[in-house]
Amino acid sequence: MPKPRFNSEQQLTLPLEYLTSASDTSLRNFEAMQLNHAANLEKEIRSMERERKKAAVMAEMARLLIENRDALLRHLGDHLERVKGEESAA
């Protein structure tokens, strides 16, 4: 019976003849290992999706600044002047 092999990514590759002749215990172990691998991939995908969303938000913020920086800075300056005026009056 051929032995399981690992490729360069350490992903288990098994020939069909091994799977068809493996014991129940070996098949159960193989199943558990594959389910674990699938769960780990799912975690990695979720993490990557969170990173993708953060990067997209940051890009959108940069775009808003590119398109509206002067108006935003003017508005902020006006607001700060009003606050200083209110503090001086108090």
C-alpha atoms as a PDB file:
ATOM      1  CA  MET A   1       0.000   0.000   0.000  1.00  0.00           C
ATOM      2  CA  PRO A   2       1.510   3.400  -1.003  1.00  0.00           C
ATOM      3  CA  LYS A   3       2.333   5.837   1.758  1.00  0.00           C
ATOM      4  CA  PRO A   4       0.893   9.364   1.916  1.00  0.00           C
ATOM      5  CA  ARG A   5       3.126  11.996   0.303  1.00  0.00           C
ATOM      6  CA  PHE A   6       3.537  15.705   1.027  1.00  0.00           C
ATOM      7  CA  ASN A   7       4.067  18.188  -1.765  1.00  0.00           C
ATOM      8  CA  SER A   8       5.989  21.482  -1.508  1.00  0.00           C
ATOM      9  CA  GLU A   9       3.088  23.149   0.338  1.00  0.00           C
ATOM     10  CA  GLN A  10       2.923  20.251   2.799  1.00  0.00           C
ATOM     11  CA  GLN A  11      -0.549  19.448   1.492  1.00  0.00           C
ATOM     12  CA  LEU A  12      -1.196  15.746   1.774  1.00  0.00           C
ATOM     13  CA  THR A  13      -1.640  14.038  -1.575  1.00  0.00           C
ATOM     14  CA  LEU A  14      -2.970  10.523  -1.599  1.00  0.00           C
ATOM     15  CA  PRO A  15      -3.444   8.221  -4.550  1.00  0.00           C
ATOM     16  CA  LEU A  16      -6.901   6.776  -5.059  1.00  0.00           C
ATOM     17  CA  GLU A  17      -5.602   3.269  -4.428  1.00  0.00           C
ATOM     18  CA  TYR A  18      -4.440   4.315  -0.944  1.00  0.00           C
ATOM     19  CA  LEU A  19      -7.823   5.811  -0.088  1.00  0.00           C
ATOM     20  CA  THR A  20      -9.710   2.768  -1.318  1.00  0.00           C
ATOM     21  CA  SER A  21      -7.502   0.350   0.611  1.00  0.00           C
ATOM     22  CA  ALA A  22      -7.016   2.402   3.801  1.00  0.00           C
ATOM     23  CA  SER A  23      -8.436   1.227   7.097  1.00  0.00           C
ATOM     24  CA  ASP A  24     -11.428   2.969   8.654  1.00  0.00           C
ATOM     25  CA  THR A  25      -9.112   4.563  11.201  1.00  0.00           C
ATOM     26  CA  SER A  26      -6.845   5.930   8.465  1.00  0.00           C
ATOM     27  CA  LEU A  27      -9.831   7.264   6.528  1.00  0.00           C
ATOM     28  CA  ARG A  28     -11.246   8.894   9.652  1.00  0.00           C
ATOM     29  CA  ASN A  29      -7.856  10.488  10.366  1.00  0.00           C
ATOM     30  CA  PHE A  30      -7.631  11.676   6.767  1.00  0.00           C
ATOM     31  CA  GLU A  31     -11.167  13.102   6.987  1.00  0.00           C
ATOM     32  CA  ALA A  32     -10.384  14.906  10.244  1.00  0.00           C
ATOM     33  CA  MET A  33      -7.190  16.321   8.792  1.00  0.00           C
ATOM     34  CA  GLN A  34      -8.991  17.597   5.687  1.00  0.00           C
ATOM     35  CA  LEU A  35     -11.788  19.147   7.753  1.00  0.00           C
ATOM     36  CA  ASN A  36      -9.185  20.851   9.921  1.00  0.00           C
ATOM     37  CA  HIS A  37      -7.372  22.118   6.842  1.00  0.00           C
ATOM     38  CA  ALA A  38     -10.648  23.443   5.404  1.00  0.00           C
ATOM     39  CA  ALA A  39     -11.439  25.218   8.690  1.00  0.00           C
ATOM     40  CA  ASN A  40      -7.978  26.791   8.760  1.00  0.00           C
ATOM     41  CA  LEU A  41      -8.411  28.008   5.185  1.00  0.00           C
ATOM     42  CA  GLU A  42     -11.794  29.492   6.121  1.00  0.00           C
ATOM     43  CA  LYS A  43     -10.186  31.402   9.022  1.00  0.00           C
ATOM     44  CA  GLU A  44      -7.480  32.692   6.706  1.00  0.00           C
ATOM     45  CA  ILE A  45     -10.065  33.768   4.130  1.00  0.00           C
ATOM     46  CA  ARG A  46     -12.064  35.670   6.786  1.00  0.00           C
ATOM     47  CA  SER A  47      -8.904  37.389   7.989  1.00  0.00           C
ATOM     48  CA  MET A  48      -7.927  38.341   4.460  1.00  0.00           C
ATOM     49  CA  GLU A  49     -11.443  39.646   3.806  1.00  0.00           C
ATOM     50  CA  ARG A  50     -11.198  41.906   6.884  1.00  0.00           C
ATOM     51  CA  GLU A  51      -7.853  43.215   5.626  1.00  0.00           C
ATOM     52  CA  ARG A  52      -9.324  43.784   2.147  1.00  0.00           C
ATOM     53  CA  LYS A  53     -12.226  45.755   3.603  1.00  0.00           C
ATOM     54  CA  LYS A  54      -9.893  47.916   5.720  1.00  0.00           C
ATOM     55  CA  ALA A  55      -7.713  48.640   2.695  1.00  0.00           C
ATOM     56  CA  ALA A  56     -10.772  49.562   0.619  1.00  0.00           C
ATOM     57  CA  VAL A  57     -12.001  51.971   3.321  1.00  0.00           C
ATOM     58  CA  MET A  58      -8.578  53.612   3.560  1.00  0.00           C
ATOM     59  CA  ALA A  59      -8.490  53.998  -0.233  1.00  0.00           C
ATOM     60  CA  GLU A  60     -11.953  55.595  -0.144  1.00  0.00           C
ATOM     61  CA  MET A  61     -10.806  58.002   2.561  1.00  0.00           C
ATOM     62  CA  ALA A  62      -7.797  58.969   0.451  1.00  0.00           C
ATOM     63  CA  ARG A  63     -10.085  59.514  -2.553  1.00  0.00           C
ATOM     64  CA  LEU A  64     -12.363  61.786  -0.487  1.00  0.00           C
ATOM     65  CA  LEU A  65      -9.345  63.823   0.590  1.00  0.00           C
ATOM     66  CA  ILE A  66      -8.033  64.025  -2.963  1.00  0.00           C
ATOM     67  CA  GLU A  67     -11.368  65.332  -4.178  1.00  0.00           C
ATOM     68  CA  ASN A  68     -12.345  67.503  -1.187  1.00  0.00           C
ATOM     69  CA  ARG A  69      -9.237  68.427   0.786  1.00  0.00           C
ATOM     70  CA  ASP A  70      -9.464  72.194   0.202  1.00  0.00           C
ATOM     71  CA  ALA A  71     -13.132  72.372   1.183  1.00  0.00           C
ATOM     72  CA  LEU A  72     -12.575  70.154   4.239  1.00  0.00           C
ATOM     73  CA  LEU A  73      -9.606  72.227   5.430  1.00  0.00           C
ATOM     74  CA  ARG A  74     -11.530  75.456   4.875  1.00  0.00           C
ATOM     75  CA  HIS A  75     -14.469  74.083   6.878  1.00  0.00           C
ATOM     76  CA  LEU A  76     -12.168  72.879   9.645  1.00  0.00           C
ATOM     77  CA  GLY A  77     -10.436  76.272   9.767  1.00  0.00           C
ATOM     78  CA  ASP A  78     -13.785  78.064   9.989  1.00  0.00           C
ATOM     79  CA  HIS A  79     -14.878  75.729  12.781  1.00  0.00           C
ATOM     80  CA  LEU A  80     -11.646  76.268  14.746  1.00  0.00           C
ATOM     81  CA  GLU A  81     -11.990  80.040  14.425  1.00  0.00           C
ATOM     82  CA  ARG A  82     -15.556  79.865  15.787  1.00  0.00           C
ATOM     83  CA  VAL A  83     -14.406  77.727  18.730  1.00  0.00           C
ATOM     84  CA  LYS A  84     -11.577  80.168  19.505  1.00  0.00           C
ATOM     85  CA  GLY A  85     -14.019  83.060  19.291  1.00  0.00           C
ATOM     86  CA  GLU A  86     -16.416  81.352  21.689  1.00  0.00           C
ATOM     87  CA  GLU A  87     -13.560  80.631  24.141  1.00  0.00           C
ATOM     88  CA  SER A  88     -12.427  84.273  23.983  1.00  0.00           C
ATOM     89  CA  ALA A  89     -15.971  85.515  24.653  1.00  0.00           C
ATOM     90  CA  ALA A  90     -16.374  83.259  27.679  1.00  0.00           C
END
